[in-house]
Amino acid sequence: MIEYVFNGFYSQKGEHSLSFNFNTNKELDEISYSNNNSRIKVSVVPAYDIYITGIELSPENPIPDQSVIILVNVKNNGVRDMTSEFGLQSPLIEFEDFNLSVIDIPSPSSVNPLKVGGTDQYRIEGKFSSSGSKNLKMTLNVNGDLDESKKLLGSGLVFCIEY
């Protein structure tokens, strides 16, 4: 048996056809030429898929004007390590009655990638201006900088929680 190994990549996502044909000029005399070709369909998906897995507050039950740290956990559910901040650097943060003071954004790089299956955190500091139940909503990849395999609502990755 002869085995051929080809390396390459598709530059666009979607359905593609990959075909191989051998002895097309019939230079080699064979009993049958009907088994000299093969074709398969290949589904090319984006390599990246980030999503928010949870939000944690500290303290868990803050009072108005108390400093609060909110940790937003994100996971790389794609098939390739993330080596840049694309899709992570400009989240849409909609925390009801929350005055944001500082945000630390995950910053994967080629030296420190967000590995496949790996997690990281946004660290958000600020204060709630009133008491009561609050809606915390955060959307990632709002600008569509990262081509992802799965998007919720067609405009980014959204996580909502009520405290």
N, C-alpha and C. Protein backbone atom coordinates (compact mmCIF):
# COMPACT_ATOMS: atom_id res chain seq x y z
N MET A 1 0.84 -1.18 0.00
CA MET A 1 0.00 0.00 0.00
C MET A 1 0.89 1.24 0.00
N ILE A 2 0.50 2.20 -0.79
CA ILE A 2 1.20 3.48 -0.85
C ILE A 2 0.35 4.50 -0.11
N GLU A 3 0.98 5.29 0.73
CA GLU A 3 0.26 6.32 1.48
C GLU A 3 0.82 7.69 1.12
N TYR A 4 -0.06 8.59 0.80
CA TYR A 4 0.31 9.96 0.51
C TYR A 4 -0.17 10.84 1.65
N VAL A 5 0.68 11.78 2.07
CA VAL A 5 0.30 12.71 3.13
C VAL A 5 0.42 14.13 2.57
N PHE A 6 -0.68 14.85 2.63
CA PHE A 6 -0.71 16.23 2.15
C PHE A 6 -1.00 17.14 3.34
N ASN A 7 -0.28 18.22 3.40
CA ASN A 7 -0.53 19.22 4.44
C ASN A 7 -0.99 20.51 3.77
N GLY A 8 -1.92 21.16 4.41
CA GLY A 8 -2.42 22.42 3.88
C GLY A 8 -3.53 22.94 4.75
N PHE A 9 -4.22 23.95 4.28
CA PHE A 9 -5.32 24.52 5.04
C PHE A 9 -6.32 25.15 4.09
N TYR A 10 -7.52 25.32 4.58
CA TYR A 10 -8.56 26.04 3.85
C TYR A 10 -8.57 27.47 4.35
N SER A 11 -8.65 28.41 3.45
CA SER A 11 -8.63 29.82 3.84
C SER A 11 -10.02 30.35 4.17
N GLN A 12 -11.07 29.57 3.85
CA GLN A 12 -12.43 30.01 4.14
C GLN A 12 -13.20 28.89 4.81
N LYS A 13 -14.07 29.28 5.74
CA LYS A 13 -14.90 28.29 6.41
C LYS A 13 -16.05 27.88 5.49
N GLY A 14 -16.70 26.78 5.85
CA GLY A 14 -17.83 26.30 5.06
C GLY A 14 -17.59 24.89 4.56
N GLU A 15 -18.48 24.44 3.68
CA GLU A 15 -18.38 23.10 3.10
C GLU A 15 -17.46 23.14 1.88
N HIS A 16 -16.53 22.21 1.82
CA HIS A 16 -15.60 22.11 0.71
C HIS A 16 -15.52 20.66 0.25
N SER A 17 -15.06 20.48 -0.95
CA SER A 17 -14.88 19.14 -1.49
C SER A 17 -13.39 18.91 -1.71
N LEU A 18 -12.92 17.75 -1.32
CA LEU A 18 -11.52 17.38 -1.48
C LEU A 18 -11.50 16.12 -2.33
N SER A 19 -10.80 16.17 -3.46
CA SER A 19 -10.78 14.99 -4.33
C SER A 19 -9.36 14.64 -4.75
N PHE A 20 -9.15 13.36 -4.97
CA PHE A 20 -7.87 12.84 -5.43
C PHE A 20 -8.13 11.96 -6.64
N ASN A 21 -7.32 12.13 -7.68
CA ASN A 21 -7.43 11.32 -8.90
C ASN A 21 -6.03 10.81 -9.25
N PHE A 22 -5.93 9.52 -9.55
CA PHE A 22 -4.65 8.91 -9.89
C PHE A 22 -4.74 8.26 -11.27
N ASN A 23 -3.61 8.26 -11.94
CA ASN A 23 -3.48 7.61 -13.24
C ASN A 23 -4.55 8.11 -14.22
N THR A 24 -4.79 9.41 -14.20
CA THR A 24 -5.84 9.98 -15.04
C THR A 24 -5.49 9.90 -16.53
N ASN A 25 -4.23 9.84 -16.87
CA ASN A 25 -3.81 9.73 -18.27
C ASN A 25 -3.73 8.28 -18.74
N LYS A 26 -4.03 7.37 -17.80
CA LYS A 26 -4.02 5.93 -18.09
C LYS A 26 -2.66 5.47 -18.61
N GLU A 27 -1.61 6.05 -18.02
CA GLU A 27 -0.25 5.66 -18.39
C GLU A 27 0.10 4.28 -17.85
N LEU A 28 -0.53 3.93 -16.75
CA LEU A 28 -0.34 2.61 -16.16
C LEU A 28 -1.52 1.74 -16.58
N ASP A 29 -1.21 0.59 -17.19
CA ASP A 29 -2.27 -0.31 -17.65
C ASP A 29 -2.89 -1.00 -16.44
N GLU A 30 -4.21 -0.82 -16.26
CA GLU A 30 -4.91 -1.40 -15.11
C GLU A 30 -6.11 -2.20 -15.56
N ILE A 31 -6.57 -3.09 -14.69
CA ILE A 31 -7.79 -3.85 -14.95
C ILE A 31 -8.99 -2.91 -14.96
N SER A 32 -9.01 -1.98 -14.00
CA SER A 32 -10.12 -1.03 -13.90
C SER A 32 -9.58 0.34 -13.50
N TYR A 33 -10.09 1.37 -14.15
CA TYR A 33 -9.70 2.74 -13.82
C TYR A 33 -10.76 3.40 -12.92
N SER A 34 -11.83 2.69 -12.63
CA SER A 34 -12.95 3.28 -11.89
C SER A 34 -12.63 3.51 -10.41
N ASN A 35 -11.60 2.89 -9.90
CA ASN A 35 -11.27 3.06 -8.48
C ASN A 35 -10.07 3.99 -8.27
N ASN A 36 -9.80 4.83 -9.22
CA ASN A 36 -8.63 5.71 -9.14
C ASN A 36 -8.96 7.12 -8.66
N ASN A 37 -10.13 7.29 -8.12
CA ASN A 37 -10.46 8.62 -7.61
C ASN A 37 -11.27 8.48 -6.33
N SER A 38 -11.16 9.50 -5.55
CA SER A 38 -11.90 9.55 -4.28
C SER A 38 -12.24 10.99 -3.98
N ARG A 39 -13.40 11.18 -3.38
CA ARG A 39 -13.84 12.53 -3.05
C ARG A 39 -14.51 12.49 -1.67
N ILE A 40 -14.19 13.49 -0.86
CA ILE A 40 -14.85 13.63 0.45
C ILE A 40 -15.27 15.07 0.62
N LYS A 41 -16.29 15.26 1.46
CA LYS A 41 -16.71 16.61 1.82
C LYS A 41 -16.03 16.97 3.14
N VAL A 42 -15.57 18.19 3.20
CA VAL A 42 -14.88 18.68 4.39
C VAL A 42 -15.64 19.89 4.90
N SER A 43 -15.98 19.86 6.18
CA SER A 43 -16.65 21.00 6.81
C SER A 43 -15.60 21.77 7.60
N VAL A 44 -15.31 22.98 7.16
CA VAL A 44 -14.29 23.82 7.80
C VAL A 44 -15.00 24.79 8.73
N VAL A 45 -14.67 24.70 10.01
CA VAL A 45 -15.27 25.58 11.02
C VAL A 45 -14.21 26.51 11.57
N PRO A 46 -14.62 27.67 12.11
CA PRO A 46 -13.64 28.56 12.74
C PRO A 46 -12.92 27.84 13.89
N ALA A 47 -11.69 28.21 14.08
CA ALA A 47 -10.87 27.54 15.09
C ALA A 47 -11.17 28.02 16.51
N TYR A 48 -11.88 29.13 16.64
CA TYR A 48 -12.07 29.73 17.94
C TYR A 48 -13.52 29.68 18.40
N ASP A 49 -13.68 29.56 19.70
CA ASP A 49 -15.01 29.61 20.30
C ASP A 49 -14.82 29.95 21.77
N ILE A 50 -15.05 31.20 22.13
CA ILE A 50 -14.92 31.61 23.53
C ILE A 50 -16.31 31.81 24.11
N TYR A 51 -16.44 31.51 25.36
CA TYR A 51 -17.73 31.79 26.00
C TYR A 51 -17.55 32.04 27.48
N ILE A 52 -18.54 32.71 28.05
CA ILE A 52 -18.53 33.04 29.47
C ILE A 52 -19.14 31.87 30.23
N THR A 53 -18.41 31.40 31.25
CA THR A 53 -18.89 30.25 32.01
C THR A 53 -19.51 30.64 33.34
N GLY A 54 -19.28 31.87 33.81
CA GLY A 54 -19.87 32.28 35.08
C GLY A 54 -19.39 33.63 35.53
N ILE A 55 -20.13 34.17 36.48
CA ILE A 55 -19.79 35.46 37.10
C ILE A 55 -19.81 35.25 38.61
N GLU A 56 -18.77 35.76 39.28
CA GLU A 56 -18.68 35.66 40.74
C GLU A 56 -18.52 37.06 41.33
N LEU A 57 -19.19 37.32 42.46
CA LEU A 57 -19.07 38.60 43.15
C LEU A 57 -18.36 38.41 44.48
N SER A 58 -17.57 39.42 44.84
CA SER A 58 -16.95 39.43 46.15
C SER A 58 -16.96 40.87 46.66
N PRO A 59 -17.67 41.14 47.76
CA PRO A 59 -18.46 40.20 48.55
C PRO A 59 -19.70 39.75 47.77
N GLU A 60 -20.23 38.61 48.14
CA GLU A 60 -21.36 38.03 47.43
C GLU A 60 -22.63 38.87 47.52
N ASN A 61 -22.82 39.54 48.65
CA ASN A 61 -23.99 40.40 48.85
C ASN A 61 -23.52 41.80 49.23
N PRO A 62 -23.07 42.58 48.22
CA PRO A 62 -22.54 43.91 48.53
C PRO A 62 -23.65 44.90 48.90
N ILE A 63 -23.24 45.94 49.59
CA ILE A 63 -24.15 47.04 49.92
C ILE A 63 -23.80 48.23 49.03
N PRO A 64 -24.70 49.20 48.88
CA PRO A 64 -24.40 50.36 48.03
C PRO A 64 -23.11 51.05 48.43
N ASP A 65 -22.35 51.47 47.45
CA ASP A 65 -21.08 52.19 47.60
C ASP A 65 -19.96 51.36 48.23
N GLN A 66 -20.14 50.07 48.32
CA GLN A 66 -19.09 49.17 48.81
C GLN A 66 -18.28 48.69 47.60
N SER A 67 -16.96 48.66 47.74
CA SER A 67 -16.12 48.14 46.66
C SER A 67 -16.44 46.68 46.40
N VAL A 68 -16.61 46.36 45.13
CA VAL A 68 -16.98 45.00 44.71
C VAL A 68 -16.01 44.55 43.63
N ILE A 69 -15.61 43.30 43.71
CA ILE A 69 -14.82 42.68 42.66
C ILE A 69 -15.71 41.64 41.98
N ILE A 70 -15.83 41.77 40.67
CA ILE A 70 -16.63 40.83 39.88
C ILE A 70 -15.67 40.08 38.97
N LEU A 71 -15.66 38.76 39.09
CA LEU A 71 -14.83 37.92 38.25
C LEU A 71 -15.73 37.27 37.20
N VAL A 72 -15.39 37.47 35.95
CA VAL A 72 -16.14 36.88 34.84
C VAL A 72 -15.23 35.82 34.22
N ASN A 73 -15.64 34.57 34.30
CA ASN A 73 -14.85 33.45 33.81
C ASN A 73 -15.15 33.18 32.34
N VAL A 74 -14.10 33.04 31.53
CA VAL A 74 -14.25 32.72 30.12
C VAL A 74 -13.47 31.45 29.80
N LYS A 75 -13.95 30.71 28.79
CA LYS A 75 -13.32 29.46 28.41
C LYS A 75 -13.09 29.44 26.90
N ASN A 76 -11.96 28.88 26.49
CA ASN A 76 -11.68 28.66 25.07
C ASN A 76 -12.19 27.27 24.72
N ASN A 77 -13.34 27.24 24.06
CA ASN A 77 -13.96 25.97 23.67
C ASN A 77 -13.69 25.64 22.21
N GLY A 78 -12.71 26.34 21.61
CA GLY A 78 -12.38 26.12 20.21
C GLY A 78 -11.44 24.95 20.01
N VAL A 79 -10.85 24.90 18.84
CA VAL A 79 -9.92 23.82 18.50
C VAL A 79 -8.50 24.34 18.33
N ARG A 80 -8.28 25.61 18.63
CA ARG A 80 -6.95 26.21 18.52
C ARG A 80 -6.71 27.12 19.71
N ASP A 81 -5.47 27.14 20.21
CA ASP A 81 -5.10 28.05 21.28
C ASP A 81 -5.29 29.49 20.83
N MET A 82 -5.78 30.33 21.73
CA MET A 82 -5.91 31.76 21.44
C MET A 82 -4.59 32.44 21.78
N THR A 83 -4.02 33.15 20.81
CA THR A 83 -2.72 33.80 21.02
C THR A 83 -2.81 35.31 20.87
N SER A 84 -4.02 35.85 20.89
CA SER A 84 -4.20 37.29 20.83
C SER A 84 -5.45 37.67 21.62
N GLU A 85 -5.62 38.97 21.81
CA GLU A 85 -6.77 39.49 22.56
C GLU A 85 -8.01 39.68 21.70
N PHE A 86 -7.95 39.36 20.39
CA PHE A 86 -9.10 39.57 19.52
C PHE A 86 -10.32 38.89 20.10
N GLY A 87 -11.42 39.63 20.16
CA GLY A 87 -12.66 39.12 20.70
C GLY A 87 -12.80 39.30 22.20
N LEU A 88 -11.69 39.57 22.87
CA LEU A 88 -11.70 39.72 24.33
C LEU A 88 -11.53 41.16 24.78
N GLN A 89 -10.91 42.00 23.96
CA GLN A 89 -10.47 43.31 24.43
C GLN A 89 -11.55 44.37 24.57
N SER A 90 -12.72 44.18 23.99
CA SER A 90 -13.75 45.22 24.10
C SER A 90 -15.10 44.62 24.46
N PRO A 91 -15.22 44.11 25.69
CA PRO A 91 -16.51 43.53 26.10
C PRO A 91 -17.55 44.63 26.32
N LEU A 92 -18.80 44.27 26.13
CA LEU A 92 -19.91 45.17 26.45
C LEU A 92 -20.39 44.77 27.84
N ILE A 93 -20.20 45.66 28.80
CA ILE A 93 -20.56 45.38 30.19
C ILE A 93 -21.79 46.19 30.54
N GLU A 94 -22.85 45.48 30.88
CA GLU A 94 -24.11 46.12 31.25
C GLU A 94 -24.52 45.59 32.63
N PHE A 95 -23.90 46.17 33.65
CA PHE A 95 -24.19 45.80 35.03
C PHE A 95 -25.07 46.89 35.60
N GLU A 96 -26.28 46.54 35.94
CA GLU A 96 -27.29 47.49 36.41
C GLU A 96 -26.81 48.22 37.67
N ASP A 97 -26.89 49.56 37.67
CA ASP A 97 -26.51 50.43 38.80
C ASP A 97 -25.08 50.20 39.28
N PHE A 98 -24.19 49.88 38.35
CA PHE A 98 -22.80 49.58 38.72
C PHE A 98 -21.89 50.66 38.14
N ASN A 99 -21.04 51.23 39.01
CA ASN A 99 -20.07 52.23 38.60
C ASN A 99 -18.71 51.55 38.49
N LEU A 100 -18.29 51.28 37.27
CA LEU A 100 -17.04 50.57 37.00
C LEU A 100 -15.86 51.50 37.25
N SER A 101 -14.85 50.99 37.96
CA SER A 101 -13.64 51.79 38.17
C SER A 101 -12.42 51.18 37.50
N VAL A 102 -12.29 49.84 37.50
CA VAL A 102 -11.12 49.19 36.92
C VAL A 102 -11.56 47.88 36.26
N ILE A 103 -10.96 47.58 35.11
CA ILE A 103 -11.20 46.27 34.48
C ILE A 103 -9.87 45.70 34.00
N ASP A 104 -9.58 44.48 34.40
CA ASP A 104 -8.41 43.75 33.91
C ASP A 104 -8.93 42.73 32.90
N ILE A 105 -8.43 42.82 31.67
CA ILE A 105 -8.90 42.00 30.57
C ILE A 105 -7.89 40.89 30.29
N PRO A 106 -8.37 39.66 30.06
CA PRO A 106 -7.43 38.59 29.70
C PRO A 106 -6.64 39.01 28.46
N SER A 107 -5.36 38.67 28.45
CA SER A 107 -4.52 39.06 27.31
C SER A 107 -3.65 37.89 26.86
N PRO A 108 -4.27 36.92 26.18
CA PRO A 108 -3.46 35.81 25.68
C PRO A 108 -2.45 36.29 24.64
N SER A 109 -1.35 35.59 24.54
CA SER A 109 -0.29 35.92 23.58
C SER A 109 0.36 34.62 23.12
N SER A 110 1.28 34.73 22.20
CA SER A 110 1.98 33.52 21.75
C SER A 110 2.83 32.93 22.87
N VAL A 111 3.27 33.77 23.80
CA VAL A 111 4.05 33.30 24.94
C VAL A 111 3.14 32.72 26.02
N ASN A 112 1.96 33.30 26.18
CA ASN A 112 1.01 32.86 27.20
C ASN A 112 -0.39 32.68 26.57
N PRO A 113 -0.57 31.61 25.78
CA PRO A 113 -1.86 31.43 25.07
C PRO A 113 -2.97 30.98 26.01
N LEU A 114 -4.20 31.24 25.59
CA LEU A 114 -5.37 30.66 26.25
C LEU A 114 -5.59 29.33 25.54
N LYS A 115 -5.15 28.27 26.19
CA LYS A 115 -5.15 26.93 25.59
C LYS A 115 -6.56 26.44 25.31
N VAL A 116 -6.68 25.51 24.39
CA VAL A 116 -7.95 24.85 24.12
C VAL A 116 -8.44 24.22 25.41
N GLY A 117 -9.67 24.53 25.81
CA GLY A 117 -10.22 24.03 27.07
C GLY A 117 -9.79 24.85 28.28
N GLY A 118 -8.90 25.81 28.06
CA GLY A 118 -8.40 26.63 29.16
C GLY A 118 -9.36 27.75 29.53
N THR A 119 -9.17 28.28 30.72
CA THR A 119 -10.02 29.35 31.21
C THR A 119 -9.19 30.56 31.63
N ASP A 120 -9.82 31.70 31.67
CA ASP A 120 -9.21 32.94 32.13
C ASP A 120 -10.32 33.79 32.75
N GLN A 121 -9.96 34.95 33.28
CA GLN A 121 -10.95 35.78 33.96
C GLN A 121 -10.79 37.25 33.60
N TYR A 122 -11.94 37.92 33.54
CA TYR A 122 -11.99 39.38 33.59
C TYR A 122 -12.12 39.71 35.07
N ARG A 123 -11.39 40.71 35.53
CA ARG A 123 -11.51 41.18 36.91
C ARG A 123 -12.03 42.61 36.84
N ILE A 124 -13.24 42.79 37.34
CA ILE A 124 -13.92 44.08 37.24
C ILE A 124 -14.14 44.63 38.65
N GLU A 125 -13.71 45.85 38.87
CA GLU A 125 -13.89 46.49 40.17
C GLU A 125 -14.82 47.69 40.02
N GLY A 126 -15.61 47.91 41.05
CA GLY A 126 -16.51 49.06 41.06
C GLY A 126 -17.45 49.00 42.24
N LYS A 127 -18.54 49.76 42.16
CA LYS A 127 -19.51 49.84 43.25
C LYS A 127 -20.92 49.88 42.68
N PHE A 128 -21.84 49.24 43.38
CA PHE A 128 -23.25 49.37 43.05
C PHE A 128 -23.77 50.63 43.72
N SER A 129 -24.62 51.38 43.03
CA SER A 129 -25.12 52.63 43.60
C SER A 129 -26.42 52.47 44.37
N SER A 130 -27.03 51.28 44.31
CA SER A 130 -28.28 51.06 45.05
C SER A 130 -28.36 49.58 45.43
N SER A 131 -29.28 49.29 46.34
CA SER A 131 -29.47 47.90 46.77
C SER A 131 -30.56 47.24 45.93
N GLY A 132 -30.72 45.94 46.11
CA GLY A 132 -31.75 45.21 45.39
C GLY A 132 -31.18 44.26 44.36
N SER A 133 -32.06 43.54 43.68
CA SER A 133 -31.64 42.61 42.63
C SER A 133 -31.06 43.38 41.45
N LYS A 134 -30.00 42.85 40.86
CA LYS A 134 -29.32 43.51 39.74
C LYS A 134 -29.16 42.53 38.59
N ASN A 135 -29.31 43.02 37.39
CA ASN A 135 -29.01 42.24 36.19
C ASN A 135 -27.57 42.53 35.79
N LEU A 136 -26.79 41.47 35.66
CA LEU A 136 -25.41 41.60 35.21
C LEU A 136 -25.32 40.93 33.85
N LYS A 137 -24.99 41.70 32.83
CA LYS A 137 -24.92 41.17 31.47
C LYS A 137 -23.60 41.58 30.85
N MET A 138 -22.92 40.62 30.26
CA MET A 138 -21.65 40.91 29.60
C MET A 138 -21.64 40.20 28.25
N THR A 139 -21.22 40.91 27.22
CA THR A 139 -21.16 40.36 25.88
C THR A 139 -19.72 40.44 25.37
N LEU A 140 -19.20 39.31 24.88
CA LEU A 140 -17.85 39.26 24.33
C LEU A 140 -17.91 39.34 22.81
N ASN A 141 -16.79 39.72 22.23
CA ASN A 141 -16.62 39.75 20.78
C ASN A 141 -17.71 40.58 20.10
N VAL A 142 -18.04 41.70 20.70
CA VAL A 142 -19.10 42.57 20.20
C VAL A 142 -18.80 43.06 18.78
N ASN A 143 -17.54 43.37 18.51
CA ASN A 143 -17.14 43.90 17.21
C ASN A 143 -16.92 42.81 16.17
N GLY A 144 -17.05 41.54 16.56
CA GLY A 144 -16.84 40.44 15.62
C GLY A 144 -15.40 40.28 15.20
N ASP A 145 -14.46 40.69 16.06
CA ASP A 145 -13.03 40.58 15.74
C ASP A 145 -12.57 39.13 15.64
N LEU A 146 -13.25 38.25 16.34
CA LEU A 146 -12.86 36.85 16.39
C LEU A 146 -13.91 36.04 15.65
N ASP A 147 -13.49 35.31 14.62
CA ASP A 147 -14.41 34.47 13.85
C ASP A 147 -14.64 33.20 14.66
N GLU A 148 -15.84 33.04 15.19
CA GLU A 148 -16.12 31.93 16.09
C GLU A 148 -17.03 30.89 15.46
N SER A 149 -16.93 29.67 16.00
CA SER A 149 -17.76 28.59 15.48
C SER A 149 -19.18 28.68 16.01
N LYS A 150 -19.37 29.27 17.19
CA LYS A 150 -20.70 29.38 17.77
C LYS A 150 -20.88 30.80 18.28
N LYS A 151 -21.96 31.43 17.90
CA LYS A 151 -22.28 32.76 18.42
C LYS A 151 -23.69 32.74 18.93
N LEU A 152 -23.90 33.37 20.05
CA LEU A 152 -25.24 33.49 20.60
C LEU A 152 -25.84 34.82 20.16
N LEU A 153 -27.06 34.82 19.76
CA LEU A 153 -27.79 36.02 19.38
C LEU A 153 -27.17 36.74 18.19
N GLY A 154 -26.18 36.15 17.55
CA GLY A 154 -25.59 36.74 16.35
C GLY A 154 -24.76 37.98 16.58
N SER A 155 -24.56 38.40 17.82
CA SER A 155 -23.81 39.64 18.03
C SER A 155 -22.83 39.52 19.18
N GLY A 156 -22.37 38.35 19.46
CA GLY A 156 -21.40 38.19 20.52
C GLY A 156 -21.84 37.13 21.50
N LEU A 157 -21.06 36.93 22.50
CA LEU A 157 -21.35 35.91 23.50
C LEU A 157 -21.86 36.61 24.74
N VAL A 158 -23.04 36.24 25.18
CA VAL A 158 -23.73 36.96 26.24
C VAL A 158 -23.90 36.07 27.46
N PHE A 159 -23.69 36.66 28.62
CA PHE A 159 -23.98 35.97 29.87
C PHE A 159 -24.78 36.91 30.76
N CYS A 160 -25.90 36.46 31.24
CA CYS A 160 -26.73 37.29 32.11
C CYS A 160 -26.95 36.56 33.44
N ILE A 161 -26.96 37.32 34.51
CA ILE A 161 -27.24 36.75 35.82
C ILE A 161 -27.94 37.83 36.65
N GLU A 162 -28.77 37.42 37.54
CA GLU A 162 -29.44 38.39 38.41
C GLU A 162 -28.95 38.17 39.83
N TYR A 163 -28.53 39.27 40.47
CA TYR A 163 -28.12 39.25 41.89
C TYR A 163 -29.03 40.13 42.68
